[in-house]
Amino acid sequence: MWKNAITVSMLAICLVIAACEKKPAVPAAPATAGASGSELALPSGFFLAAAPKEAVEVKDSKPKAKVGETVTIIGRIGGSREPFVDGRAIFTLVDTRLKACGEGAEEDGCKTPWDYCCEPRKELTANMATVRIVGADGQPLKSGLKNVQGLKPLARVTVVGTVAEAEGGVLVVNASGVHVGQ
């Protein structure tokens, strides 16, 4: 029951953050270092040309994660109908071994397979992490990430970053680099 409470709390926090200030999603082109205004300003080299080889699946990384440590995790963007927080540089990542709706033997016609609605909520939560891109103040950047440099639902990504939270099955990573791959 406490795991459900943590999941609901994390979702509520994301919604509160998103409600604070609304800005339009940033198109892929402005996602460069030195961008200004409402554009997403990422550090030079934030989007990695190659995926780090030492990446660990989301579920496998959770028990070992310690706040302040650097981790490299791999997963697919998803976990809900809208895995990106509108107006904030936050998204959720799901272990690649978990099958999205419609994958596998049965075609179910799901219009949003990235929400993993076919999986029990407990299983989905055990396979999820939250990824944030934060500024110097430690707060998520105030720009959306959806469709920036190939970040979209079900995109396979490798994230390098620092563990910001790792308690009760929750994993939050402040990303310092992201590779979007096949």
N, C-alpha and C. Protein backbone atom coordinates (compact mmCIF):
# COMPACT_ATOMS: atom_id res chain seq x y z
N MET A 1 0.81 -1.19 0.00
CA MET A 1 0.00 0.00 0.00
C MET A 1 0.86 1.26 0.00
N TRP A 2 1.98 1.22 0.75
CA TRP A 2 2.85 2.40 0.80
C TRP A 2 3.52 2.65 -0.54
N LYS A 3 3.71 1.60 -1.35
CA LYS A 3 4.28 1.80 -2.68
C LYS A 3 3.32 2.57 -3.56
N ASN A 4 2.03 2.26 -3.44
CA ASN A 4 1.03 3.01 -4.19
C ASN A 4 1.01 4.47 -3.75
N ALA A 5 1.17 4.70 -2.46
CA ALA A 5 1.19 6.07 -1.94
C ALA A 5 2.38 6.83 -2.50
N ILE A 6 3.53 6.17 -2.59
CA ILE A 6 4.72 6.82 -3.15
C ILE A 6 4.50 7.15 -4.62
N THR A 7 3.94 6.20 -5.37
CA THR A 7 3.68 6.43 -6.79
C THR A 7 2.73 7.61 -6.97
N VAL A 8 1.66 7.62 -6.21
CA VAL A 8 0.69 8.71 -6.31
C VAL A 8 1.35 10.03 -5.91
N SER A 9 2.19 10.01 -4.89
CA SER A 9 2.89 11.22 -4.45
C SER A 9 3.80 11.75 -5.55
N MET A 10 4.55 10.86 -6.20
CA MET A 10 5.46 11.29 -7.28
C MET A 10 4.68 11.91 -8.43
N LEU A 11 3.56 11.29 -8.80
CA LEU A 11 2.74 11.84 -9.88
C LEU A 11 2.16 13.19 -9.48
N ALA A 12 1.74 13.31 -8.23
CA ALA A 12 1.19 14.59 -7.76
C ALA A 12 2.24 15.68 -7.78
N ILE A 13 3.47 15.34 -7.38
CA ILE A 13 4.56 16.32 -7.41
C ILE A 13 4.80 16.80 -8.83
N CYS A 14 4.84 15.87 -9.78
CA CYS A 14 5.04 16.24 -11.18
C CYS A 14 3.94 17.16 -11.68
N LEU A 15 2.69 16.86 -11.31
CA LEU A 15 1.58 17.71 -11.73
C LEU A 15 1.65 19.09 -11.10
N VAL A 16 2.04 19.17 -9.84
CA VAL A 16 2.17 20.47 -9.17
C VAL A 16 3.26 21.29 -9.84
N ILE A 17 4.39 20.66 -10.12
CA ILE A 17 5.49 21.37 -10.79
C ILE A 17 5.03 21.87 -12.14
N ALA A 18 4.34 21.01 -12.89
CA ALA A 18 3.88 21.40 -14.22
C ALA A 18 2.86 22.53 -14.16
N ALA A 19 2.06 22.56 -13.11
CA ALA A 19 1.01 23.58 -13.00
C ALA A 19 1.56 24.95 -12.63
N CYS A 20 2.76 25.00 -12.08
CA CYS A 20 3.33 26.28 -11.63
C CYS A 20 3.52 27.26 -12.76
N GLU A 21 3.99 26.80 -13.88
CA GLU A 21 4.24 27.71 -15.00
C GLU A 21 4.12 26.93 -16.29
N LYS A 22 3.28 27.36 -17.19
CA LYS A 22 3.07 26.68 -18.47
C LYS A 22 3.83 27.42 -19.56
N LYS A 23 4.62 26.67 -20.32
CA LYS A 23 5.29 27.20 -21.50
C LYS A 23 5.08 26.19 -22.61
N PRO A 24 5.09 26.61 -23.84
CA PRO A 24 4.91 25.66 -24.92
C PRO A 24 6.09 24.71 -25.01
N ALA A 25 5.83 23.51 -25.51
CA ALA A 25 6.91 22.54 -25.71
C ALA A 25 7.92 23.10 -26.69
N VAL A 26 9.17 22.77 -26.48
CA VAL A 26 10.24 23.30 -27.30
C VAL A 26 10.48 22.37 -28.48
N PRO A 27 10.54 22.89 -29.71
CA PRO A 27 10.85 22.05 -30.85
C PRO A 27 12.29 21.57 -30.80
N ALA A 28 12.62 20.56 -31.60
CA ALA A 28 13.95 19.96 -31.56
C ALA A 28 15.07 20.95 -31.88
N ALA A 29 14.88 21.83 -32.81
CA ALA A 29 15.97 22.71 -33.24
C ALA A 29 16.57 23.58 -32.14
N PRO A 30 15.79 24.20 -31.25
CA PRO A 30 16.39 25.06 -30.25
C PRO A 30 17.11 24.35 -29.11
N ALA A 31 17.08 23.05 -29.05
CA ALA A 31 17.68 22.32 -27.93
C ALA A 31 19.20 22.27 -28.07
N THR A 32 19.81 23.43 -27.96
CA THR A 32 21.25 23.52 -28.11
C THR A 32 21.84 24.31 -26.97
N ALA A 33 23.12 24.13 -26.76
CA ALA A 33 23.82 24.90 -25.73
C ALA A 33 23.77 26.37 -26.11
N GLY A 34 23.58 27.21 -25.13
CA GLY A 34 23.60 28.65 -25.37
C GLY A 34 22.27 29.21 -25.84
N ALA A 35 21.25 28.36 -25.95
CA ALA A 35 19.95 28.87 -26.36
C ALA A 35 19.44 29.80 -25.26
N SER A 36 18.63 30.77 -25.64
CA SER A 36 18.16 31.73 -24.64
C SER A 36 16.65 31.89 -24.70
N GLY A 37 16.13 32.70 -23.80
CA GLY A 37 14.69 32.96 -23.77
C GLY A 37 13.95 31.72 -23.35
N SER A 38 12.86 31.39 -24.06
CA SER A 38 12.06 30.23 -23.70
C SER A 38 12.62 28.94 -24.30
N GLU A 39 13.71 29.04 -25.01
CA GLU A 39 14.31 27.85 -25.61
C GLU A 39 15.03 27.04 -24.55
N LEU A 40 15.14 25.76 -24.79
CA LEU A 40 15.79 24.85 -23.88
C LEU A 40 17.30 24.98 -24.02
N ALA A 41 17.95 25.42 -22.96
CA ALA A 41 19.40 25.61 -22.97
C ALA A 41 20.05 24.42 -22.27
N LEU A 42 20.65 23.56 -23.06
CA LEU A 42 21.33 22.39 -22.51
C LEU A 42 22.83 22.57 -22.64
N PRO A 43 23.58 21.95 -21.74
CA PRO A 43 25.03 22.05 -21.82
C PRO A 43 25.55 21.44 -23.13
N SER A 44 26.65 21.94 -23.60
CA SER A 44 27.28 21.39 -24.79
C SER A 44 27.56 19.90 -24.57
N GLY A 45 27.19 19.07 -25.52
CA GLY A 45 27.43 17.64 -25.42
C GLY A 45 26.41 16.89 -24.59
N PHE A 46 25.30 17.54 -24.21
CA PHE A 46 24.29 16.86 -23.40
C PHE A 46 23.74 15.64 -24.13
N PHE A 47 23.42 15.80 -25.41
CA PHE A 47 22.97 14.65 -26.20
C PHE A 47 24.20 13.91 -26.69
N LEU A 48 24.37 12.69 -26.21
CA LEU A 48 25.56 11.89 -26.47
C LEU A 48 25.50 11.23 -27.84
N ALA A 49 26.64 11.22 -28.55
CA ALA A 49 26.71 10.62 -29.88
C ALA A 49 26.61 9.10 -29.82
N ALA A 50 27.09 8.50 -28.75
CA ALA A 50 27.05 7.05 -28.60
C ALA A 50 26.54 6.71 -27.20
N ALA A 51 25.88 5.57 -27.12
CA ALA A 51 25.37 5.13 -25.82
C ALA A 51 26.51 4.58 -24.97
N PRO A 52 26.60 5.01 -23.73
CA PRO A 52 27.60 4.43 -22.83
C PRO A 52 27.37 2.92 -22.70
N LYS A 53 28.43 2.15 -22.69
CA LYS A 53 28.31 0.70 -22.66
C LYS A 53 27.95 0.14 -21.29
N GLU A 54 28.21 0.87 -20.24
CA GLU A 54 27.98 0.36 -18.89
C GLU A 54 26.56 0.59 -18.37
N ALA A 55 25.62 0.85 -19.25
CA ALA A 55 24.25 1.14 -18.84
C ALA A 55 23.59 -0.08 -18.18
N VAL A 56 22.78 0.20 -17.16
CA VAL A 56 22.05 -0.82 -16.41
C VAL A 56 20.56 -0.58 -16.62
N GLU A 57 19.80 -1.65 -16.76
CA GLU A 57 18.35 -1.53 -16.90
C GLU A 57 17.77 -0.82 -15.68
N VAL A 58 16.66 -0.12 -15.88
CA VAL A 58 16.04 0.65 -14.81
C VAL A 58 15.79 -0.20 -13.56
N LYS A 59 15.12 -1.33 -13.71
CA LYS A 59 14.76 -2.16 -12.55
C LYS A 59 16.00 -2.64 -11.80
N ASP A 60 17.05 -3.00 -12.53
CA ASP A 60 18.28 -3.49 -11.90
C ASP A 60 19.04 -2.38 -11.17
N SER A 61 18.87 -1.15 -11.61
CA SER A 61 19.60 -0.04 -11.00
C SER A 61 18.97 0.44 -9.68
N LYS A 62 17.69 0.21 -9.51
CA LYS A 62 16.96 0.75 -8.35
C LYS A 62 17.49 0.26 -7.00
N PRO A 63 17.73 -1.04 -6.80
CA PRO A 63 18.18 -1.47 -5.47
C PRO A 63 19.58 -0.98 -5.11
N LYS A 64 20.41 -0.70 -6.11
CA LYS A 64 21.80 -0.29 -5.87
C LYS A 64 21.98 1.23 -5.80
N ALA A 65 20.99 1.97 -6.26
CA ALA A 65 21.12 3.43 -6.38
C ALA A 65 21.24 4.11 -5.02
N LYS A 66 22.18 5.04 -4.94
CA LYS A 66 22.40 5.82 -3.72
C LYS A 66 22.44 7.30 -4.10
N VAL A 67 21.75 8.11 -3.33
CA VAL A 67 21.70 9.55 -3.58
C VAL A 67 23.12 10.11 -3.70
N GLY A 68 23.33 10.90 -4.75
CA GLY A 68 24.63 11.55 -4.97
C GLY A 68 25.56 10.77 -5.88
N GLU A 69 25.25 9.49 -6.12
CA GLU A 69 26.12 8.68 -6.98
C GLU A 69 25.75 8.87 -8.46
N THR A 70 26.73 8.67 -9.32
CA THR A 70 26.50 8.73 -10.76
C THR A 70 26.02 7.37 -11.23
N VAL A 71 24.97 7.36 -12.05
CA VAL A 71 24.44 6.13 -12.62
C VAL A 71 24.30 6.28 -14.13
N THR A 72 24.26 5.15 -14.80
CA THR A 72 23.96 5.11 -16.22
C THR A 72 22.86 4.08 -16.40
N ILE A 73 21.68 4.54 -16.79
CA ILE A 73 20.53 3.64 -16.93
C ILE A 73 20.00 3.66 -18.35
N ILE A 74 19.37 2.56 -18.71
CA ILE A 74 18.78 2.46 -20.04
C ILE A 74 17.31 2.09 -19.90
N GLY A 75 16.49 2.64 -20.78
CA GLY A 75 15.08 2.34 -20.74
C GLY A 75 14.37 2.96 -21.94
N ARG A 76 13.06 2.91 -21.90
CA ARG A 76 12.24 3.53 -22.94
C ARG A 76 11.32 4.54 -22.28
N ILE A 77 11.13 5.65 -22.95
CA ILE A 77 10.26 6.70 -22.42
C ILE A 77 8.83 6.18 -22.39
N GLY A 78 8.20 6.25 -21.23
CA GLY A 78 6.83 5.78 -21.10
C GLY A 78 6.42 5.67 -19.65
N GLY A 79 5.36 4.91 -19.44
CA GLY A 79 4.86 4.67 -18.09
C GLY A 79 3.52 5.32 -17.81
N SER A 80 3.09 6.21 -18.71
CA SER A 80 1.78 6.85 -18.58
C SER A 80 1.38 7.37 -19.96
N ARG A 81 0.15 7.83 -20.06
CA ARG A 81 -0.30 8.38 -21.36
C ARG A 81 0.58 9.56 -21.78
N GLU A 82 1.04 10.34 -20.81
CA GLU A 82 1.91 11.48 -21.09
C GLU A 82 3.15 11.37 -20.21
N PRO A 83 4.22 10.72 -20.72
CA PRO A 83 5.42 10.51 -19.91
C PRO A 83 6.30 11.75 -19.76
N PHE A 84 5.95 12.84 -20.43
CA PHE A 84 6.68 14.10 -20.30
C PHE A 84 5.87 15.06 -19.45
N VAL A 85 6.53 15.80 -18.58
CA VAL A 85 5.85 16.82 -17.80
C VAL A 85 5.83 18.09 -18.65
N ASP A 86 4.65 18.58 -18.93
CA ASP A 86 4.49 19.76 -19.77
C ASP A 86 5.16 20.97 -19.12
N GLY A 87 6.03 21.62 -19.87
CA GLY A 87 6.68 22.83 -19.39
C GLY A 87 7.86 22.60 -18.46
N ARG A 88 8.27 21.36 -18.28
CA ARG A 88 9.41 21.04 -17.43
C ARG A 88 10.25 19.96 -18.11
N ALA A 89 11.53 19.96 -17.83
CA ALA A 89 12.45 18.99 -18.42
C ALA A 89 12.46 17.72 -17.56
N ILE A 90 11.34 16.99 -17.64
CA ILE A 90 11.13 15.78 -16.85
C ILE A 90 10.42 14.75 -17.72
N PHE A 91 10.86 13.50 -17.63
CA PHE A 91 10.14 12.40 -18.27
C PHE A 91 10.35 11.13 -17.46
N THR A 92 9.50 10.14 -17.73
CA THR A 92 9.64 8.85 -17.04
C THR A 92 10.22 7.83 -18.01
N LEU A 93 10.98 6.92 -17.43
CA LEU A 93 11.70 5.90 -18.18
C LEU A 93 11.28 4.54 -17.64
N VAL A 94 11.07 3.58 -18.55
CA VAL A 94 10.64 2.24 -18.18
C VAL A 94 11.69 1.25 -18.66
N ASP A 95 11.96 0.24 -17.85
CA ASP A 95 12.89 -0.84 -18.17
C ASP A 95 12.57 -1.39 -19.56
N THR A 96 13.59 -1.61 -20.38
CA THR A 96 13.36 -2.08 -21.76
C THR A 96 12.82 -3.50 -21.81
N ARG A 97 12.98 -4.26 -20.75
CA ARG A 97 12.50 -5.64 -20.76
C ARG A 97 11.00 -5.74 -20.54
N LEU A 98 10.37 -4.66 -20.06
CA LEU A 98 8.92 -4.65 -19.88
C LEU A 98 8.29 -4.37 -21.24
N LYS A 99 7.34 -5.17 -21.61
CA LYS A 99 6.71 -5.02 -22.93
C LYS A 99 5.63 -3.96 -22.90
N ALA A 100 5.69 -3.07 -23.88
CA ALA A 100 4.64 -2.06 -24.05
C ALA A 100 3.39 -2.77 -24.56
N CYS A 101 2.25 -2.14 -24.38
CA CYS A 101 0.99 -2.73 -24.85
C CYS A 101 1.07 -3.02 -26.35
N GLY A 102 0.60 -4.20 -26.72
CA GLY A 102 0.60 -4.57 -28.14
C GLY A 102 1.86 -5.24 -28.61
N GLU A 103 2.91 -5.27 -27.78
CA GLU A 103 4.14 -5.97 -28.16
C GLU A 103 4.00 -7.44 -27.81
N GLY A 104 4.58 -8.26 -28.61
CA GLY A 104 4.52 -9.69 -28.31
C GLY A 104 3.52 -10.41 -29.18
N ALA A 105 2.97 -11.49 -28.66
CA ALA A 105 2.13 -12.39 -29.43
C ALA A 105 0.79 -11.77 -29.82
N GLU A 106 0.20 -10.98 -28.94
CA GLU A 106 -1.12 -10.44 -29.21
C GLU A 106 -1.06 -8.97 -29.62
N GLU A 107 -1.80 -8.64 -30.64
CA GLU A 107 -1.97 -7.24 -31.03
C GLU A 107 -3.25 -6.76 -30.37
N ASP A 108 -3.16 -5.76 -29.52
CA ASP A 108 -4.36 -5.34 -28.79
C ASP A 108 -4.96 -4.03 -29.29
N GLY A 109 -4.34 -3.40 -30.28
CA GLY A 109 -4.88 -2.18 -30.84
C GLY A 109 -4.79 -0.97 -29.93
N CYS A 110 -3.92 -1.02 -28.94
CA CYS A 110 -3.77 0.08 -27.99
C CYS A 110 -3.25 1.33 -28.72
N LYS A 111 -3.92 2.46 -28.50
CA LYS A 111 -3.51 3.71 -29.15
C LYS A 111 -2.35 4.40 -28.43
N THR A 112 -2.10 4.04 -27.17
CA THR A 112 -1.01 4.63 -26.40
C THR A 112 -0.20 3.51 -25.73
N PRO A 113 0.52 2.71 -26.53
CA PRO A 113 1.24 1.56 -25.97
C PRO A 113 2.31 1.96 -24.95
N TRP A 114 2.78 3.18 -24.99
CA TRP A 114 3.82 3.64 -24.06
C TRP A 114 3.29 3.83 -22.63
N ASP A 115 1.98 3.74 -22.44
CA ASP A 115 1.46 3.87 -21.07
C ASP A 115 1.54 2.55 -20.29
N TYR A 116 1.85 1.45 -21.00
CA TYR A 116 2.01 0.14 -20.37
C TYR A 116 0.78 -0.23 -19.54
N CYS A 117 -0.41 0.17 -20.03
CA CYS A 117 -1.64 -0.08 -19.28
C CYS A 117 -1.97 -1.57 -19.17
N CYS A 118 -1.32 -2.40 -19.97
CA CYS A 118 -1.55 -3.84 -19.92
C CYS A 118 -0.80 -4.49 -18.75
N GLU A 119 0.12 -3.75 -18.15
CA GLU A 119 0.91 -4.27 -17.04
C GLU A 119 0.26 -3.90 -15.71
N PRO A 120 0.37 -4.78 -14.72
CA PRO A 120 -0.11 -4.41 -13.38
C PRO A 120 0.67 -3.19 -12.87
N ARG A 121 -0.02 -2.30 -12.19
CA ARG A 121 0.60 -1.04 -11.72
C ARG A 121 1.83 -1.31 -10.86
N LYS A 122 1.79 -2.33 -10.02
CA LYS A 122 2.92 -2.66 -9.16
C LYS A 122 4.15 -3.03 -9.99
N GLU A 123 3.95 -3.81 -11.04
CA GLU A 123 5.05 -4.22 -11.93
C GLU A 123 5.61 -3.01 -12.68
N LEU A 124 4.73 -2.15 -13.16
CA LEU A 124 5.18 -0.95 -13.87
C LEU A 124 6.00 -0.04 -12.96
N THR A 125 5.51 0.19 -11.77
CA THR A 125 6.22 1.05 -10.81
C THR A 125 7.61 0.50 -10.49
N ALA A 126 7.73 -0.80 -10.37
CA ALA A 126 9.02 -1.43 -10.07
C ALA A 126 10.01 -1.27 -11.21
N ASN A 127 9.51 -0.97 -12.42
CA ASN A 127 10.34 -0.85 -13.61
C ASN A 127 10.48 0.57 -14.12
N MET A 128 10.14 1.57 -13.29
CA MET A 128 10.15 2.97 -13.74
C MET A 128 11.14 3.83 -12.97
N ALA A 129 11.61 4.87 -13.65
CA ALA A 129 12.44 5.91 -13.03
C ALA A 129 12.00 7.25 -13.60
N THR A 130 12.25 8.31 -12.84
CA THR A 130 11.98 9.67 -13.31
C THR A 130 13.32 10.31 -13.67
N VAL A 131 13.37 10.94 -14.84
CA VAL A 131 14.58 11.61 -15.30
C VAL A 131 14.28 13.10 -15.37
N ARG A 132 15.19 13.90 -14.80
CA ARG A 132 15.04 15.36 -14.82
C ARG A 132 16.32 15.98 -15.37
N ILE A 133 16.16 17.11 -16.02
CA ILE A 133 17.30 17.92 -16.39
C ILE A 133 17.16 19.19 -15.57
N VAL A 134 18.12 19.41 -14.69
CA VAL A 134 18.02 20.52 -13.76
C VAL A 134 19.03 21.62 -14.09
N GLY A 135 18.68 22.83 -13.67
CA GLY A 135 19.57 23.97 -13.83
C GLY A 135 20.50 24.11 -12.64
N ALA A 136 21.26 25.19 -12.62
CA ALA A 136 22.21 25.45 -11.54
C ALA A 136 21.52 25.55 -10.17
N ASP A 137 20.22 25.91 -10.17
CA ASP A 137 19.48 26.02 -8.92
C ASP A 137 18.95 24.67 -8.41
N GLY A 138 19.22 23.60 -9.18
CA GLY A 138 18.77 22.27 -8.79
C GLY A 138 17.33 21.96 -9.15
N GLN A 139 16.65 22.91 -9.80
CA GLN A 139 15.26 22.73 -10.20
C GLN A 139 15.19 22.31 -11.67
N PRO A 140 14.17 21.53 -12.05
CA PRO A 140 14.03 21.14 -13.46
C PRO A 140 13.93 22.37 -14.36
N LEU A 141 14.58 22.27 -15.52
CA LEU A 141 14.50 23.37 -16.50
C LEU A 141 13.04 23.59 -16.86
N LYS A 142 12.70 24.84 -17.14
CA LYS A 142 11.31 25.22 -17.42
C LYS A 142 11.00 25.17 -18.90
N SER A 143 11.27 24.03 -19.50
CA SER A 143 10.94 23.78 -20.90
C SER A 143 10.62 22.31 -21.05
N GLY A 144 9.65 22.01 -21.89
CA GLY A 144 9.30 20.61 -22.13
C GLY A 144 10.36 19.92 -22.99
N LEU A 145 10.41 18.62 -22.90
CA LEU A 145 11.38 17.83 -23.65
C LEU A 145 10.76 17.00 -24.78
N LYS A 146 9.45 16.93 -24.81
CA LYS A 146 8.78 16.10 -25.81
C LYS A 146 9.21 16.50 -27.22
N ASN A 147 9.69 15.53 -28.00
CA ASN A 147 10.13 15.69 -29.39
C ASN A 147 11.44 16.45 -29.55
N VAL A 148 12.15 16.70 -28.47
CA VAL A 148 13.45 17.35 -28.56
C VAL A 148 14.50 16.28 -28.87
N GLN A 149 15.20 16.43 -29.96
CA GLN A 149 16.29 15.53 -30.35
C GLN A 149 15.88 14.05 -30.32
N GLY A 150 14.65 13.76 -30.72
CA GLY A 150 14.19 12.37 -30.78
C GLY A 150 13.58 11.83 -29.50
N LEU A 151 13.44 12.67 -28.47
CA LEU A 151 12.80 12.22 -27.23
C LEU A 151 11.30 12.16 -27.46
N LYS A 152 10.76 10.96 -27.48
CA LYS A 152 9.34 10.75 -27.70
C LYS A 152 8.94 9.45 -27.02
N PRO A 153 7.65 9.23 -26.84
CA PRO A 153 7.22 7.99 -26.20
C PRO A 153 7.77 6.75 -26.90
N LEU A 154 8.24 5.81 -26.11
CA LEU A 154 8.85 4.54 -26.50
C LEU A 154 10.26 4.67 -27.08
N ALA A 155 10.80 5.89 -27.16
CA ALA A 155 12.19 6.04 -27.60
C ALA A 155 13.10 5.35 -26.57
N ARG A 156 14.07 4.63 -27.07
CA ARG A 156 15.05 3.96 -26.21
C ARG A 156 16.14 4.99 -25.89
N VAL A 157 16.38 5.23 -24.61
CA VAL A 157 17.37 6.22 -24.22
C VAL A 157 18.29 5.66 -23.13
N THR A 158 19.51 6.15 -23.17
CA THR A 158 20.48 5.86 -22.12
C THR A 158 20.74 7.18 -21.42
N VAL A 159 20.63 7.18 -20.10
CA VAL A 159 20.76 8.40 -19.31
C VAL A 159 21.95 8.26 -18.36
N VAL A 160 22.81 9.27 -18.36
CA VAL A 160 23.89 9.37 -17.40
C VAL A 160 23.52 10.51 -16.47
N GLY A 161 23.61 10.28 -15.17
CA GLY A 161 23.24 11.35 -14.25
C GLY A 161 23.51 10.99 -12.81
N THR A 162 23.07 11.88 -11.94
CA THR A 162 23.26 11.74 -10.50
C THR A 162 21.94 11.37 -9.85
N VAL A 163 21.98 10.40 -8.96
CA VAL A 163 20.77 9.98 -8.26
C VAL A 163 20.34 11.11 -7.31
N ALA A 164 19.11 11.59 -7.50
CA ALA A 164 18.56 12.64 -6.65
C ALA A 164 17.67 12.05 -5.57
N GLU A 165 17.04 10.91 -5.86
CA GLU A 165 16.19 10.25 -4.88
C GLU A 165 16.21 8.76 -5.16
N ALA A 166 16.33 7.97 -4.10
CA ALA A 166 16.34 6.51 -4.23
C ALA A 166 15.83 5.92 -2.92
N GLU A 167 14.52 5.92 -2.77
CA GLU A 167 13.94 5.42 -1.54
C GLU A 167 12.57 4.83 -1.81
N GLY A 168 12.28 3.71 -1.20
CA GLY A 168 10.97 3.10 -1.33
C GLY A 168 10.60 2.71 -2.74
N GLY A 169 11.58 2.32 -3.54
CA GLY A 169 11.31 1.91 -4.91
C GLY A 169 11.25 3.05 -5.90
N VAL A 170 11.46 4.27 -5.44
CA VAL A 170 11.46 5.44 -6.31
C VAL A 170 12.89 5.74 -6.74
N LEU A 171 13.09 6.02 -8.01
CA LEU A 171 14.40 6.43 -8.52
C LEU A 171 14.23 7.69 -9.34
N VAL A 172 14.91 8.77 -8.92
CA VAL A 172 14.91 10.03 -9.65
C VAL A 172 16.36 10.34 -9.99
N VAL A 173 16.62 10.58 -11.28
CA VAL A 173 17.97 10.85 -11.76
C VAL A 173 18.02 12.23 -12.39
N ASN A 174 18.98 13.05 -11.96
CA ASN A 174 19.25 14.33 -12.60
C ASN A 174 20.24 14.08 -13.71
N ALA A 175 19.78 14.15 -14.95
CA ALA A 175 20.57 13.76 -16.12
C ALA A 175 21.65 14.79 -16.44
N SER A 176 22.83 14.28 -16.76
CA SER A 176 23.92 15.13 -17.26
C SER A 176 24.20 14.81 -18.72
N GLY A 177 23.67 13.69 -19.21
CA GLY A 177 23.83 13.30 -20.61
C GLY A 177 22.79 12.29 -20.99
N VAL A 178 22.34 12.37 -22.25
CA VAL A 178 21.31 11.45 -22.76
C VAL A 178 21.69 11.01 -24.16
N HIS A 179 21.57 9.71 -24.41
CA HIS A 179 21.73 9.18 -25.76
C HIS A 179 20.38 8.63 -26.21
N VAL A 180 19.90 9.07 -27.35
CA VAL A 180 18.65 8.56 -27.91
C VAL A 180 19.04 7.56 -28.99
N GLY A 181 18.61 6.32 -28.82
CA GLY A 181 19.03 5.29 -29.76
C GLY A 181 17.90 4.37 -30.15
N GLN A 182 18.25 3.39 -30.96
CA GLN A 182 17.27 2.42 -31.46
C GLN A 182 16.97 1.38 -30.44
